Amino acid sequence: MHSLRAVLLIAATFCFFFALKFLPIADALAVFFVNPLIVTALSPVILRERVGPRRWAAVAVGFVGTLIIIRPGLQAVNPGMLLALGAGTCLALYFLVTRRISGRDPAMVTTYRTSLLGAILCTALVLPVWQTPTAEQWMLFLALGFISTLGHGLIVMAYDRAEASLLAPLAYTEMIMAVIAGWWFFGDFPDFWTFVGVAVLIGCAIYISARERMTRGA
């Protein structure tokens, strides 16, 4: 299961980084947000979790938001869109596997095993095309490694404490930071319809979270 998590995480990371070659970061992330929809939709099948009608409604509305962002048939097919969709799908499966093995080991142990297996697999894949990074690139890689390890450790702890279908919509809040970072560092800014689609997705997240708090409070 740890090997499967590592493979899914590598695939998601590769597809997302490759998507950034064709799309601004906010646009790629907007399409990437299909992953909470997939988590919610598959959690009854894979995890045997109960998903009520309100969560299913949120999945349906969120899917409409994703279509608004992608706008199939209304614009030229961008390979970055397909790569971002692939990244979102792989990450959704990664989350589901994480939930499946949650509670068996401490969060740090789970994160370490997956990171170790991922490092071994990536080392084997990168050797034929290796290029020595500059000192600045090494610093960026170290920062990326620290941030990603911290983030995935928090993900494991979250899935130890809550259902996958409940946590999934909270990922939409990442879009706010992506817009700010893309504009500040790269001068990229999403178009109007991307904002509309993202607003729909974030609205779904807020609604599900609010309903869940009301249900548990009752």
N, C-alpha and C. Protein backbone atom coordinates (compact mmCIF):
# COMPACT_ATOMS: atom_id res chain seq x y z
N MET A 1 0.83 -1.20 0.00
CA MET A 1 0.00 0.00 0.00
C MET A 1 0.87 1.26 0.00
N HIS A 2 1.99 1.21 0.72
CA HIS A 2 2.89 2.37 0.72
C HIS A 2 3.52 2.55 -0.67
N SER A 3 3.83 1.44 -1.33
CA SER A 3 4.37 1.53 -2.69
C SER A 3 3.35 2.14 -3.64
N LEU A 4 2.09 1.73 -3.49
CA LEU A 4 1.03 2.28 -4.32
C LEU A 4 0.87 3.78 -4.08
N ARG A 5 0.93 4.21 -2.81
CA ARG A 5 0.87 5.64 -2.50
C ARG A 5 2.01 6.39 -3.17
N ALA A 6 3.21 5.80 -3.13
CA ALA A 6 4.37 6.46 -3.73
C ALA A 6 4.20 6.61 -5.24
N VAL A 7 3.73 5.55 -5.90
CA VAL A 7 3.53 5.60 -7.36
C VAL A 7 2.48 6.64 -7.73
N LEU A 8 1.38 6.66 -7.00
CA LEU A 8 0.31 7.63 -7.29
C LEU A 8 0.79 9.06 -7.06
N LEU A 9 1.58 9.26 -6.00
CA LEU A 9 2.07 10.61 -5.71
C LEU A 9 3.07 11.06 -6.76
N ILE A 10 3.94 10.16 -7.21
CA ILE A 10 4.89 10.49 -8.28
C ILE A 10 4.14 10.85 -9.56
N ALA A 11 3.13 10.05 -9.90
CA ALA A 11 2.35 10.32 -11.12
C ALA A 11 1.63 11.66 -11.04
N ALA A 12 1.03 11.94 -9.87
CA ALA A 12 0.33 13.21 -9.70
C ALA A 12 1.28 14.39 -9.81
N THR A 13 2.45 14.27 -9.17
CA THR A 13 3.43 15.36 -9.19
C THR A 13 3.96 15.58 -10.60
N PHE A 14 4.29 14.49 -11.29
CA PHE A 14 4.81 14.60 -12.66
C PHE A 14 3.79 15.26 -13.58
N CYS A 15 2.55 14.79 -13.53
CA CYS A 15 1.52 15.35 -14.40
C CYS A 15 1.28 16.84 -14.11
N PHE A 16 1.28 17.20 -12.82
CA PHE A 16 1.02 18.60 -12.48
C PHE A 16 2.17 19.50 -12.91
N PHE A 17 3.41 19.07 -12.63
CA PHE A 17 4.56 19.88 -13.05
C PHE A 17 4.62 20.02 -14.57
N PHE A 18 4.28 18.94 -15.28
CA PHE A 18 4.27 18.98 -16.74
C PHE A 18 3.15 19.90 -17.24
N ALA A 19 2.02 19.90 -16.53
CA ALA A 19 0.91 20.77 -16.91
C ALA A 19 1.30 22.24 -16.83
N LEU A 20 2.19 22.58 -15.89
CA LEU A 20 2.62 23.98 -15.74
C LEU A 20 3.41 24.48 -16.94
N LYS A 21 3.88 23.56 -17.78
CA LYS A 21 4.55 23.96 -19.01
C LYS A 21 3.57 24.58 -20.00
N PHE A 22 2.28 24.22 -19.87
CA PHE A 22 1.26 24.66 -20.81
C PHE A 22 0.24 25.63 -20.21
N LEU A 23 0.15 25.66 -18.87
CA LEU A 23 -0.89 26.46 -18.23
C LEU A 23 -0.30 27.31 -17.11
N PRO A 24 -0.91 28.48 -16.83
CA PRO A 24 -0.56 29.22 -15.61
C PRO A 24 -0.90 28.39 -14.39
N ILE A 25 -0.24 28.66 -13.27
CA ILE A 25 -0.40 27.83 -12.08
C ILE A 25 -1.84 27.81 -11.57
N ALA A 26 -2.53 28.96 -11.60
CA ALA A 26 -3.90 29.00 -11.10
C ALA A 26 -4.84 28.19 -11.99
N ASP A 27 -4.66 28.25 -13.31
CA ASP A 27 -5.50 27.49 -14.24
C ASP A 27 -5.27 25.99 -14.06
N ALA A 28 -3.98 25.60 -13.94
CA ALA A 28 -3.67 24.17 -13.75
C ALA A 28 -4.27 23.67 -12.44
N LEU A 29 -4.16 24.47 -11.39
CA LEU A 29 -4.71 24.06 -10.10
C LEU A 29 -6.23 24.00 -10.13
N ALA A 30 -6.85 24.92 -10.89
CA ALA A 30 -8.31 24.91 -10.99
C ALA A 30 -8.81 23.60 -11.58
N VAL A 31 -8.15 23.11 -12.63
CA VAL A 31 -8.52 21.83 -13.23
C VAL A 31 -8.15 20.68 -12.31
N PHE A 32 -7.01 20.81 -11.65
CA PHE A 32 -6.52 19.80 -10.72
C PHE A 32 -7.52 19.53 -9.60
N PHE A 33 -8.38 20.51 -9.31
CA PHE A 33 -9.33 20.39 -8.21
C PHE A 33 -10.46 19.41 -8.50
N VAL A 34 -10.35 18.66 -9.58
CA VAL A 34 -11.29 17.56 -9.79
C VAL A 34 -11.08 16.48 -8.74
N ASN A 35 -9.91 16.48 -8.07
CA ASN A 35 -9.60 15.39 -7.13
C ASN A 35 -10.56 15.28 -5.95
N PRO A 36 -11.05 16.38 -5.35
CA PRO A 36 -12.02 16.18 -4.27
C PRO A 36 -13.33 15.56 -4.74
N LEU A 37 -13.72 15.85 -5.99
CA LEU A 37 -14.93 15.24 -6.53
C LEU A 37 -14.75 13.73 -6.66
N ILE A 38 -13.58 13.32 -7.12
CA ILE A 38 -13.31 11.89 -7.29
C ILE A 38 -13.24 11.19 -5.94
N VAL A 39 -12.60 11.85 -4.95
CA VAL A 39 -12.52 11.27 -3.61
C VAL A 39 -13.92 11.04 -3.04
N THR A 40 -14.77 12.06 -3.14
CA THR A 40 -16.12 11.95 -2.59
C THR A 40 -16.92 10.88 -3.33
N ALA A 41 -16.77 10.83 -4.66
CA ALA A 41 -17.54 9.88 -5.45
C ALA A 41 -17.10 8.43 -5.22
N LEU A 42 -15.80 8.21 -4.98
CA LEU A 42 -15.29 6.84 -4.84
C LEU A 42 -15.22 6.36 -3.40
N SER A 43 -15.34 7.26 -2.42
CA SER A 43 -15.22 6.83 -1.03
C SER A 43 -16.27 5.79 -0.62
N PRO A 44 -17.52 5.82 -1.15
CA PRO A 44 -18.45 4.73 -0.78
C PRO A 44 -18.01 3.39 -1.33
N VAL A 45 -17.35 3.38 -2.50
CA VAL A 45 -16.95 2.12 -3.14
C VAL A 45 -15.68 1.57 -2.51
N ILE A 46 -14.67 2.42 -2.33
CA ILE A 46 -13.36 1.96 -1.87
C ILE A 46 -13.28 1.90 -0.35
N LEU A 47 -13.88 2.87 0.32
CA LEU A 47 -13.74 2.97 1.77
C LEU A 47 -14.99 2.57 2.53
N ARG A 48 -16.08 2.30 1.81
CA ARG A 48 -17.36 1.95 2.43
C ARG A 48 -17.88 3.07 3.34
N GLU A 49 -17.55 4.32 2.99
CA GLU A 49 -18.06 5.45 3.75
C GLU A 49 -19.42 5.86 3.20
N ARG A 50 -20.26 6.35 4.08
CA ARG A 50 -21.58 6.82 3.66
C ARG A 50 -21.49 8.27 3.19
N VAL A 51 -21.96 8.51 1.98
CA VAL A 51 -22.01 9.86 1.44
C VAL A 51 -23.48 10.23 1.26
N GLY A 52 -23.92 11.22 2.02
CA GLY A 52 -25.32 11.61 1.99
C GLY A 52 -25.68 12.40 0.75
N PRO A 53 -26.97 12.66 0.57
CA PRO A 53 -27.44 13.37 -0.62
C PRO A 53 -26.85 14.76 -0.78
N ARG A 54 -26.58 15.45 0.34
CA ARG A 54 -26.02 16.80 0.24
C ARG A 54 -24.59 16.77 -0.31
N ARG A 55 -23.80 15.77 0.11
CA ARG A 55 -22.45 15.66 -0.44
C ARG A 55 -22.50 15.28 -1.92
N TRP A 56 -23.44 14.39 -2.29
CA TRP A 56 -23.57 14.04 -3.70
C TRP A 56 -23.97 15.27 -4.52
N ALA A 57 -24.85 16.09 -3.96
CA ALA A 57 -25.24 17.32 -4.65
C ALA A 57 -24.05 18.24 -4.83
N ALA A 58 -23.20 18.32 -3.79
CA ALA A 58 -22.01 19.15 -3.89
C ALA A 58 -21.05 18.62 -4.96
N VAL A 59 -20.94 17.28 -5.07
CA VAL A 59 -20.11 16.69 -6.12
C VAL A 59 -20.63 17.09 -7.50
N ALA A 60 -21.94 17.02 -7.67
CA ALA A 60 -22.54 17.37 -8.97
C ALA A 60 -22.30 18.84 -9.31
N VAL A 61 -22.52 19.71 -8.34
CA VAL A 61 -22.30 21.14 -8.57
C VAL A 61 -20.82 21.42 -8.81
N GLY A 62 -19.95 20.75 -8.04
CA GLY A 62 -18.52 20.92 -8.24
C GLY A 62 -18.07 20.48 -9.62
N PHE A 63 -18.70 19.41 -10.13
CA PHE A 63 -18.38 18.96 -11.49
C PHE A 63 -18.76 20.02 -12.52
N VAL A 64 -19.89 20.67 -12.29
CA VAL A 64 -20.29 21.78 -13.17
C VAL A 64 -19.25 22.89 -13.12
N GLY A 65 -18.75 23.19 -11.90
CA GLY A 65 -17.71 24.19 -11.77
C GLY A 65 -16.45 23.83 -12.54
N THR A 66 -16.10 22.53 -12.51
CA THR A 66 -14.93 22.07 -13.28
C THR A 66 -15.16 22.25 -14.78
N LEU A 67 -16.37 21.95 -15.25
CA LEU A 67 -16.67 22.12 -16.68
C LEU A 67 -16.61 23.60 -17.08
N ILE A 68 -17.02 24.49 -16.17
CA ILE A 68 -16.94 25.92 -16.46
C ILE A 68 -15.48 26.33 -16.67
N ILE A 69 -14.60 25.77 -15.85
CA ILE A 69 -13.18 26.10 -15.96
C ILE A 69 -12.59 25.55 -17.26
N ILE A 70 -12.88 24.29 -17.56
CA ILE A 70 -12.29 23.64 -18.74
C ILE A 70 -12.97 24.11 -20.02
N ARG A 71 -14.30 24.29 -19.96
CA ARG A 71 -15.11 24.72 -21.11
C ARG A 71 -14.84 23.83 -22.34
N PRO A 72 -15.12 22.53 -22.23
CA PRO A 72 -14.88 21.63 -23.38
C PRO A 72 -15.74 22.03 -24.57
N GLY A 73 -15.13 22.05 -25.74
CA GLY A 73 -15.84 22.40 -26.96
C GLY A 73 -15.88 23.89 -27.24
N LEU A 74 -15.55 24.70 -26.24
CA LEU A 74 -15.60 26.16 -26.42
C LEU A 74 -14.21 26.77 -26.59
N GLN A 75 -13.18 25.96 -26.41
CA GLN A 75 -11.83 26.44 -26.62
C GLN A 75 -10.97 25.26 -27.08
N ALA A 76 -9.80 25.58 -27.65
CA ALA A 76 -8.91 24.54 -28.15
C ALA A 76 -8.44 23.65 -27.01
N VAL A 77 -8.30 22.37 -27.32
CA VAL A 77 -7.85 21.42 -26.30
C VAL A 77 -6.40 21.72 -25.95
N ASN A 78 -6.16 21.96 -24.69
CA ASN A 78 -4.82 22.26 -24.19
C ASN A 78 -4.28 21.02 -23.48
N PRO A 79 -3.11 20.51 -23.89
CA PRO A 79 -2.59 19.31 -23.22
C PRO A 79 -2.40 19.51 -21.72
N GLY A 80 -2.20 20.77 -21.32
CA GLY A 80 -2.07 21.05 -19.89
C GLY A 80 -3.33 20.70 -19.12
N MET A 81 -4.50 20.90 -19.76
CA MET A 81 -5.77 20.56 -19.11
C MET A 81 -5.83 19.05 -18.82
N LEU A 82 -5.45 18.26 -19.82
CA LEU A 82 -5.48 16.80 -19.66
C LEU A 82 -4.48 16.34 -18.60
N LEU A 83 -3.31 16.97 -18.60
CA LEU A 83 -2.31 16.62 -17.60
C LEU A 83 -2.77 16.98 -16.19
N ALA A 84 -3.41 18.15 -16.06
CA ALA A 84 -3.92 18.56 -14.75
C ALA A 84 -5.04 17.63 -14.28
N LEU A 85 -5.89 17.19 -15.22
CA LEU A 85 -6.93 16.21 -14.87
C LEU A 85 -6.30 14.89 -14.41
N GLY A 86 -5.26 14.46 -15.12
CA GLY A 86 -4.56 13.24 -14.72
C GLY A 86 -3.94 13.38 -13.34
N ALA A 87 -3.36 14.55 -13.07
CA ALA A 87 -2.77 14.79 -11.75
C ALA A 87 -3.83 14.75 -10.66
N GLY A 88 -4.98 15.37 -10.93
CA GLY A 88 -6.06 15.37 -9.95
C GLY A 88 -6.59 13.98 -9.68
N THR A 89 -6.69 13.16 -10.72
CA THR A 89 -7.18 11.79 -10.56
C THR A 89 -6.21 10.96 -9.73
N CYS A 90 -4.92 11.08 -10.03
CA CYS A 90 -3.92 10.32 -9.28
C CYS A 90 -3.89 10.74 -7.82
N LEU A 91 -4.00 12.04 -7.57
CA LEU A 91 -3.97 12.49 -6.18
C LEU A 91 -5.22 12.04 -5.42
N ALA A 92 -6.36 12.00 -6.10
CA ALA A 92 -7.58 11.51 -5.45
C ALA A 92 -7.40 10.05 -5.02
N LEU A 93 -6.84 9.24 -5.88
CA LEU A 93 -6.59 7.83 -5.53
C LEU A 93 -5.57 7.73 -4.39
N TYR A 94 -4.59 8.63 -4.40
CA TYR A 94 -3.60 8.69 -3.32
C TYR A 94 -4.28 8.98 -1.98
N PHE A 95 -5.22 9.93 -1.97
CA PHE A 95 -5.95 10.25 -0.75
C PHE A 95 -6.78 9.06 -0.26
N LEU A 96 -7.39 8.36 -1.20
CA LEU A 96 -8.22 7.21 -0.83
C LEU A 96 -7.37 6.10 -0.22
N VAL A 97 -6.19 5.86 -0.80
CA VAL A 97 -5.30 4.84 -0.23
C VAL A 97 -4.81 5.29 1.15
N THR A 98 -4.54 6.60 1.29
CA THR A 98 -4.12 7.14 2.59
C THR A 98 -5.17 6.87 3.65
N ARG A 99 -6.43 7.12 3.30
CA ARG A 99 -7.51 6.87 4.24
C ARG A 99 -7.63 5.37 4.55
N ARG A 100 -7.37 4.54 3.54
CA ARG A 100 -7.49 3.08 3.72
C ARG A 100 -6.49 2.56 4.75
N ILE A 101 -5.30 3.15 4.81
CA ILE A 101 -4.27 2.65 5.73
C ILE A 101 -4.15 3.53 6.97
N SER A 102 -5.01 4.54 7.10
CA SER A 102 -4.89 5.46 8.23
C SER A 102 -5.09 4.72 9.56
N GLY A 103 -4.34 5.14 10.57
CA GLY A 103 -4.45 4.55 11.89
C GLY A 103 -3.56 3.35 12.12
N ARG A 104 -2.95 2.81 11.08
CA ARG A 104 -2.10 1.63 11.26
C ARG A 104 -0.73 2.01 11.81
N ASP A 105 -0.22 3.17 11.41
CA ASP A 105 1.09 3.64 11.85
C ASP A 105 0.99 5.12 12.18
N PRO A 106 1.95 5.65 12.96
CA PRO A 106 1.99 7.10 13.19
C PRO A 106 2.13 7.84 11.85
N ALA A 107 1.60 9.06 11.81
CA ALA A 107 1.60 9.83 10.55
C ALA A 107 3.01 10.02 10.00
N MET A 108 3.99 10.27 10.87
CA MET A 108 5.36 10.49 10.40
C MET A 108 5.95 9.23 9.79
N VAL A 109 5.61 8.07 10.34
CA VAL A 109 6.11 6.80 9.79
C VAL A 109 5.53 6.57 8.40
N THR A 110 4.23 6.81 8.24
CA THR A 110 3.59 6.66 6.94
C THR A 110 4.21 7.60 5.92
N THR A 111 4.41 8.86 6.32
CA THR A 111 5.01 9.85 5.42
C THR A 111 6.42 9.45 5.04
N TYR A 112 7.20 8.95 6.01
CA TYR A 112 8.58 8.55 5.74
C TYR A 112 8.64 7.39 4.76
N ARG A 113 7.81 6.37 4.98
CA ARG A 113 7.85 5.19 4.09
C ARG A 113 7.49 5.56 2.66
N THR A 114 6.45 6.37 2.50
CA THR A 114 6.06 6.77 1.15
C THR A 114 7.13 7.62 0.49
N SER A 115 7.72 8.55 1.27
CA SER A 115 8.78 9.42 0.72
C SER A 115 10.01 8.61 0.33
N LEU A 116 10.37 7.61 1.16
CA LEU A 116 11.53 6.78 0.87
C LEU A 116 11.32 5.98 -0.41
N LEU A 117 10.15 5.34 -0.52
CA LEU A 117 9.86 4.57 -1.73
C LEU A 117 9.79 5.48 -2.95
N GLY A 118 9.20 6.66 -2.79
CA GLY A 118 9.15 7.62 -3.89
C GLY A 118 10.53 8.05 -4.34
N ALA A 119 11.43 8.27 -3.36
CA ALA A 119 12.80 8.68 -3.69
C ALA A 119 13.53 7.58 -4.46
N ILE A 120 13.34 6.34 -4.06
CA ILE A 120 13.99 5.21 -4.75
C ILE A 120 13.48 5.10 -6.19
N LEU A 121 12.16 5.18 -6.36
CA LEU A 121 11.58 5.08 -7.71
C LEU A 121 12.02 6.24 -8.59
N CYS A 122 11.98 7.45 -8.05
CA CYS A 122 12.36 8.63 -8.84
C CYS A 122 13.84 8.60 -9.20
N THR A 123 14.68 8.11 -8.28
CA THR A 123 16.12 8.01 -8.58
C THR A 123 16.36 7.10 -9.77
N ALA A 124 15.67 5.97 -9.80
CA ALA A 124 15.82 5.04 -10.92
C ALA A 124 15.36 5.67 -12.23
N LEU A 125 14.28 6.46 -12.17
CA LEU A 125 13.73 7.06 -13.39
C LEU A 125 14.56 8.23 -13.90
N VAL A 126 15.20 8.97 -13.00
CA VAL A 126 15.87 10.21 -13.40
C VAL A 126 17.30 9.98 -13.88
N LEU A 127 17.89 8.85 -13.53
CA LEU A 127 19.30 8.63 -13.88
C LEU A 127 19.61 8.82 -15.37
N PRO A 128 18.76 8.31 -16.29
CA PRO A 128 19.11 8.47 -17.72
C PRO A 128 19.08 9.91 -18.21
N VAL A 129 18.38 10.81 -17.51
CA VAL A 129 18.26 12.19 -17.99
C VAL A 129 18.79 13.19 -16.96
N TRP A 130 19.64 12.74 -16.04
CA TRP A 130 20.08 13.59 -14.94
C TRP A 130 20.88 14.80 -15.42
N GLN A 131 20.56 15.96 -14.83
CA GLN A 131 21.33 17.18 -15.03
C GLN A 131 21.63 17.76 -13.66
N THR A 132 22.87 18.10 -13.41
CA THR A 132 23.25 18.61 -12.09
C THR A 132 22.64 19.97 -11.83
N PRO A 133 21.87 20.13 -10.75
CA PRO A 133 21.26 21.43 -10.45
C PRO A 133 22.31 22.45 -10.00
N THR A 134 21.96 23.72 -10.17
CA THR A 134 22.81 24.80 -9.65
C THR A 134 22.57 24.92 -8.14
N ALA A 135 23.40 25.74 -7.48
CA ALA A 135 23.24 25.94 -6.04
C ALA A 135 21.86 26.52 -5.72
N GLU A 136 21.40 27.47 -6.54
CA GLU A 136 20.08 28.06 -6.32
C GLU A 136 18.98 27.01 -6.47
N GLN A 137 19.12 26.14 -7.47
CA GLN A 137 18.12 25.09 -7.68
C GLN A 137 18.11 24.10 -6.52
N TRP A 138 19.29 23.79 -5.97
CA TRP A 138 19.34 22.91 -4.81
C TRP A 138 18.58 23.50 -3.64
N MET A 139 18.73 24.81 -3.43
CA MET A 139 18.01 25.47 -2.34
C MET A 139 16.50 25.39 -2.56
N LEU A 140 16.08 25.59 -3.82
CA LEU A 140 14.65 25.49 -4.13
C LEU A 140 14.14 24.07 -3.92
N PHE A 141 14.95 23.08 -4.31
CA PHE A 141 14.55 21.68 -4.11
C PHE A 141 14.41 21.36 -2.62
N LEU A 142 15.36 21.87 -1.81
CA LEU A 142 15.28 21.64 -0.37
C LEU A 142 14.02 22.28 0.22
N ALA A 143 13.73 23.50 -0.21
CA ALA A 143 12.52 24.17 0.28
C ALA A 143 11.27 23.41 -0.14
N LEU A 144 11.26 22.94 -1.39
CA LEU A 144 10.11 22.17 -1.89
C LEU A 144 9.96 20.87 -1.11
N GLY A 145 11.08 20.21 -0.83
CA GLY A 145 11.03 18.96 -0.07
C GLY A 145 10.49 19.17 1.33
N PHE A 146 10.94 20.25 1.99
CA PHE A 146 10.47 20.54 3.34
C PHE A 146 8.97 20.83 3.36
N ILE A 147 8.53 21.69 2.43
CA ILE A 147 7.11 22.08 2.38
C ILE A 147 6.23 20.88 2.07
N SER A 148 6.65 20.07 1.09
CA SER A 148 5.82 18.93 0.69
C SER A 148 5.77 17.87 1.78
N THR A 149 6.90 17.63 2.47
CA THR A 149 6.90 16.65 3.56
C THR A 149 5.98 17.10 4.70
N LEU A 150 6.06 18.38 5.04
CA LEU A 150 5.18 18.91 6.08
C LEU A 150 3.71 18.80 5.66
N GLY A 151 3.44 19.16 4.42
CA GLY A 151 2.06 19.11 3.93
C GLY A 151 1.50 17.70 3.92
N HIS A 152 2.26 16.74 3.45
CA HIS A 152 1.77 15.37 3.39
C HIS A 152 1.67 14.74 4.77
N GLY A 153 2.53 15.16 5.69
CA GLY A 153 2.38 14.69 7.07
C GLY A 153 1.07 15.18 7.68
N LEU A 154 0.72 16.43 7.39
CA LEU A 154 -0.55 16.97 7.89
C LEU A 154 -1.74 16.27 7.23
N ILE A 155 -1.58 15.91 5.95
CA ILE A 155 -2.65 15.18 5.26
C ILE A 155 -2.92 13.84 5.95
N VAL A 156 -1.83 13.12 6.25
CA VAL A 156 -1.98 11.81 6.91
C VAL A 156 -2.68 11.97 8.26
N MET A 157 -2.27 13.00 9.04
CA MET A 157 -2.90 13.23 10.34
C MET A 157 -4.38 13.58 10.19
N ALA A 158 -4.70 14.36 9.16
CA ALA A 158 -6.10 14.73 8.92
C ALA A 158 -6.94 13.51 8.58
N TYR A 159 -6.41 12.63 7.74
CA TYR A 159 -7.16 11.44 7.33
C TYR A 159 -7.24 10.41 8.46
N ASP A 160 -6.37 10.53 9.46
CA ASP A 160 -6.50 9.69 10.64
C ASP A 160 -7.70 10.10 11.49
N ARG A 161 -8.15 11.35 11.32
CA ARG A 161 -9.14 11.92 12.22
C ARG A 161 -10.50 12.21 11.58
N ALA A 162 -10.60 12.10 10.25
CA ALA A 162 -11.86 12.47 9.59
C ALA A 162 -12.05 11.65 8.32
N GLU A 163 -13.30 11.59 7.86
CA GLU A 163 -13.64 10.84 6.65
C GLU A 163 -13.07 11.54 5.41
N ALA A 164 -12.72 10.73 4.41
CA ALA A 164 -12.14 11.27 3.18
C ALA A 164 -13.11 12.20 2.47
N SER A 165 -14.39 11.81 2.42
CA SER A 165 -15.36 12.62 1.70
C SER A 165 -15.62 13.96 2.39
N LEU A 166 -15.34 14.04 3.70
CA LEU A 166 -15.49 15.30 4.43
C LEU A 166 -14.30 16.21 4.19
N LEU A 167 -13.09 15.64 4.18
CA LEU A 167 -11.88 16.44 4.01
C LEU A 167 -11.69 16.93 2.58
N ALA A 168 -12.17 16.16 1.61
CA ALA A 168 -11.89 16.46 0.20
C ALA A 168 -12.23 17.90 -0.20
N PRO A 169 -13.42 18.42 0.12
CA PRO A 169 -13.75 19.77 -0.34
C PRO A 169 -12.85 20.87 0.21
N LEU A 170 -12.19 20.62 1.35
CA LEU A 170 -11.35 21.65 1.94
C LEU A 170 -10.13 21.97 1.07
N ALA A 171 -9.80 21.09 0.14
CA ALA A 171 -8.67 21.33 -0.76
C ALA A 171 -8.91 22.55 -1.64
N TYR A 172 -10.18 22.92 -1.84
CA TYR A 172 -10.48 24.05 -2.71
C TYR A 172 -9.92 25.37 -2.19
N THR A 173 -9.68 25.46 -0.88
CA THR A 173 -9.16 26.70 -0.33
C THR A 173 -7.75 27.01 -0.85
N GLU A 174 -7.07 26.00 -1.37
CA GLU A 174 -5.73 26.19 -1.92
C GLU A 174 -5.74 27.14 -3.12
N MET A 175 -6.89 27.24 -3.78
CA MET A 175 -6.97 28.05 -4.99
C MET A 175 -6.67 29.52 -4.71
N ILE A 176 -7.06 30.00 -3.54
CA ILE A 176 -6.83 31.40 -3.20
C ILE A 176 -5.33 31.72 -3.22
N MET A 177 -4.54 30.86 -2.59
CA MET A 177 -3.10 31.06 -2.55
C MET A 177 -2.47 30.90 -3.93
N ALA A 178 -3.02 30.00 -4.74
CA ALA A 178 -2.48 29.77 -6.08
C ALA A 178 -2.65 31.02 -6.95
N VAL A 179 -3.80 31.67 -6.86
CA VAL A 179 -4.02 32.90 -7.63
C VAL A 179 -3.04 33.98 -7.20
N ILE A 180 -2.87 34.12 -5.87
CA ILE A 180 -1.96 35.16 -5.37
C ILE A 180 -0.52 34.87 -5.80
N ALA A 181 -0.08 33.61 -5.64
CA ALA A 181 1.30 33.25 -5.99
C ALA A 181 1.54 33.38 -7.49
N GLY A 182 0.58 32.91 -8.30
CA GLY A 182 0.74 33.00 -9.75
C GLY A 182 0.83 34.44 -10.22
N TRP A 183 0.02 35.32 -9.64
CA TRP A 183 0.05 36.74 -10.02
C TRP A 183 1.32 37.42 -9.52
N TRP A 184 1.72 37.12 -8.27
CA TRP A 184 2.85 37.81 -7.67
C TRP A 184 4.18 37.42 -8.32
N PHE A 185 4.38 36.10 -8.54
CA PHE A 185 5.67 35.62 -9.02
C PHE A 185 5.77 35.55 -10.54
N PHE A 186 4.64 35.28 -11.22
CA PHE A 186 4.71 35.04 -12.66
C PHE A 186 3.85 35.99 -13.49
N GLY A 187 3.06 36.83 -12.83
CA GLY A 187 2.22 37.75 -13.58
C GLY A 187 1.05 37.09 -14.27
N ASP A 188 0.71 35.87 -13.87
CA ASP A 188 -0.44 35.16 -14.45
C ASP A 188 -1.70 35.50 -13.67
N PHE A 189 -2.80 35.65 -14.40
CA PHE A 189 -4.07 35.92 -13.74
C PHE A 189 -5.17 35.19 -14.48
N PRO A 190 -5.99 34.40 -13.77
CA PRO A 190 -7.04 33.62 -14.44
C PRO A 190 -8.06 34.52 -15.12
N ASP A 191 -8.74 33.98 -16.16
CA ASP A 191 -9.78 34.75 -16.82
C ASP A 191 -11.08 34.69 -16.02
N PHE A 192 -12.09 35.40 -16.50
CA PHE A 192 -13.35 35.54 -15.77
C PHE A 192 -14.01 34.20 -15.50
N TRP A 193 -14.08 33.33 -16.52
CA TRP A 193 -14.79 32.07 -16.35
C TRP A 193 -14.08 31.12 -15.41
N THR A 194 -12.75 31.23 -15.35
CA THR A 194 -12.02 30.42 -14.38
C THR A 194 -12.40 30.83 -12.97
N PHE A 195 -12.53 32.13 -12.74
CA PHE A 195 -12.97 32.61 -11.43
C PHE A 195 -14.38 32.14 -11.11
N VAL A 196 -15.26 32.11 -12.12
CA VAL A 196 -16.63 31.64 -11.89
C VAL A 196 -16.61 30.18 -11.47
N GLY A 197 -15.86 29.36 -12.20
CA GLY A 197 -15.78 27.94 -11.86
C GLY A 197 -15.19 27.71 -10.49
N VAL A 198 -14.14 28.45 -10.16
CA VAL A 198 -13.51 28.32 -8.84
C VAL A 198 -14.48 28.75 -7.74
N ALA A 199 -15.24 29.81 -7.99
CA ALA A 199 -16.22 30.26 -7.00
C ALA A 199 -17.25 29.16 -6.73
N VAL A 200 -17.67 28.45 -7.78
CA VAL A 200 -18.60 27.34 -7.61
C VAL A 200 -17.98 26.25 -6.75
N LEU A 201 -16.71 25.92 -7.03
CA LEU A 201 -16.03 24.86 -6.28
C LEU A 201 -15.87 25.24 -4.81
N ILE A 202 -15.42 26.47 -4.56
CA ILE A 202 -15.22 26.90 -3.18
C ILE A 202 -16.56 26.97 -2.45
N GLY A 203 -17.61 27.40 -3.16
CA GLY A 203 -18.94 27.43 -2.55
C GLY A 203 -19.38 26.05 -2.09
N CYS A 204 -19.07 25.03 -2.89
CA CYS A 204 -19.39 23.65 -2.50
C CYS A 204 -18.64 23.26 -1.23
N ALA A 205 -17.36 23.64 -1.15
CA ALA A 205 -16.56 23.31 0.02
C ALA A 205 -17.13 23.95 1.28
N ILE A 206 -17.48 25.22 1.18
CA ILE A 206 -18.02 25.92 2.35
C ILE A 206 -19.35 25.31 2.78
N TYR A 207 -20.19 24.98 1.80
CA TYR A 207 -21.50 24.41 2.12
C TYR A 207 -21.36 23.07 2.84
N ILE A 208 -20.51 22.19 2.30
CA ILE A 208 -20.35 20.86 2.91
C ILE A 208 -19.78 20.98 4.32
N SER A 209 -18.78 21.86 4.50
CA SER A 209 -18.19 22.01 5.82
C SER A 209 -19.22 22.54 6.82
N ALA A 210 -20.02 23.53 6.40
CA ALA A 210 -21.02 24.10 7.29
C ALA A 210 -22.07 23.07 7.66
N ARG A 211 -22.54 22.29 6.67
CA ARG A 211 -23.54 21.26 6.93
C ARG A 211 -23.00 20.18 7.87
N GLU A 212 -21.72 19.83 7.68
CA GLU A 212 -21.13 18.79 8.54
C GLU A 212 -21.04 19.25 9.98
N ARG A 213 -20.68 20.51 10.19
CA ARG A 213 -20.61 21.03 11.56
C ARG A 213 -21.99 21.05 12.20
N MET A 214 -23.02 21.42 11.41
CA MET A 214 -24.38 21.45 11.94
C MET A 214 -24.83 20.04 12.32
N THR A 215 -24.51 19.06 11.46
CA THR A 215 -24.93 17.67 11.71
C THR A 215 -24.27 17.12 12.96
N ARG A 216 -22.96 17.38 13.11
CA ARG A 216 -22.25 16.85 14.27
C ARG A 216 -22.66 17.58 15.54
N GLY A 217 -22.98 18.87 15.38
CA GLY A 217 -23.43 19.62 16.56
C GLY A 217 -24.78 19.14 17.06
N ALA A 218 -25.63 18.67 16.09
CA ALA A 218 -26.93 18.15 16.47
C ALA A 218 -26.79 16.81 17.17
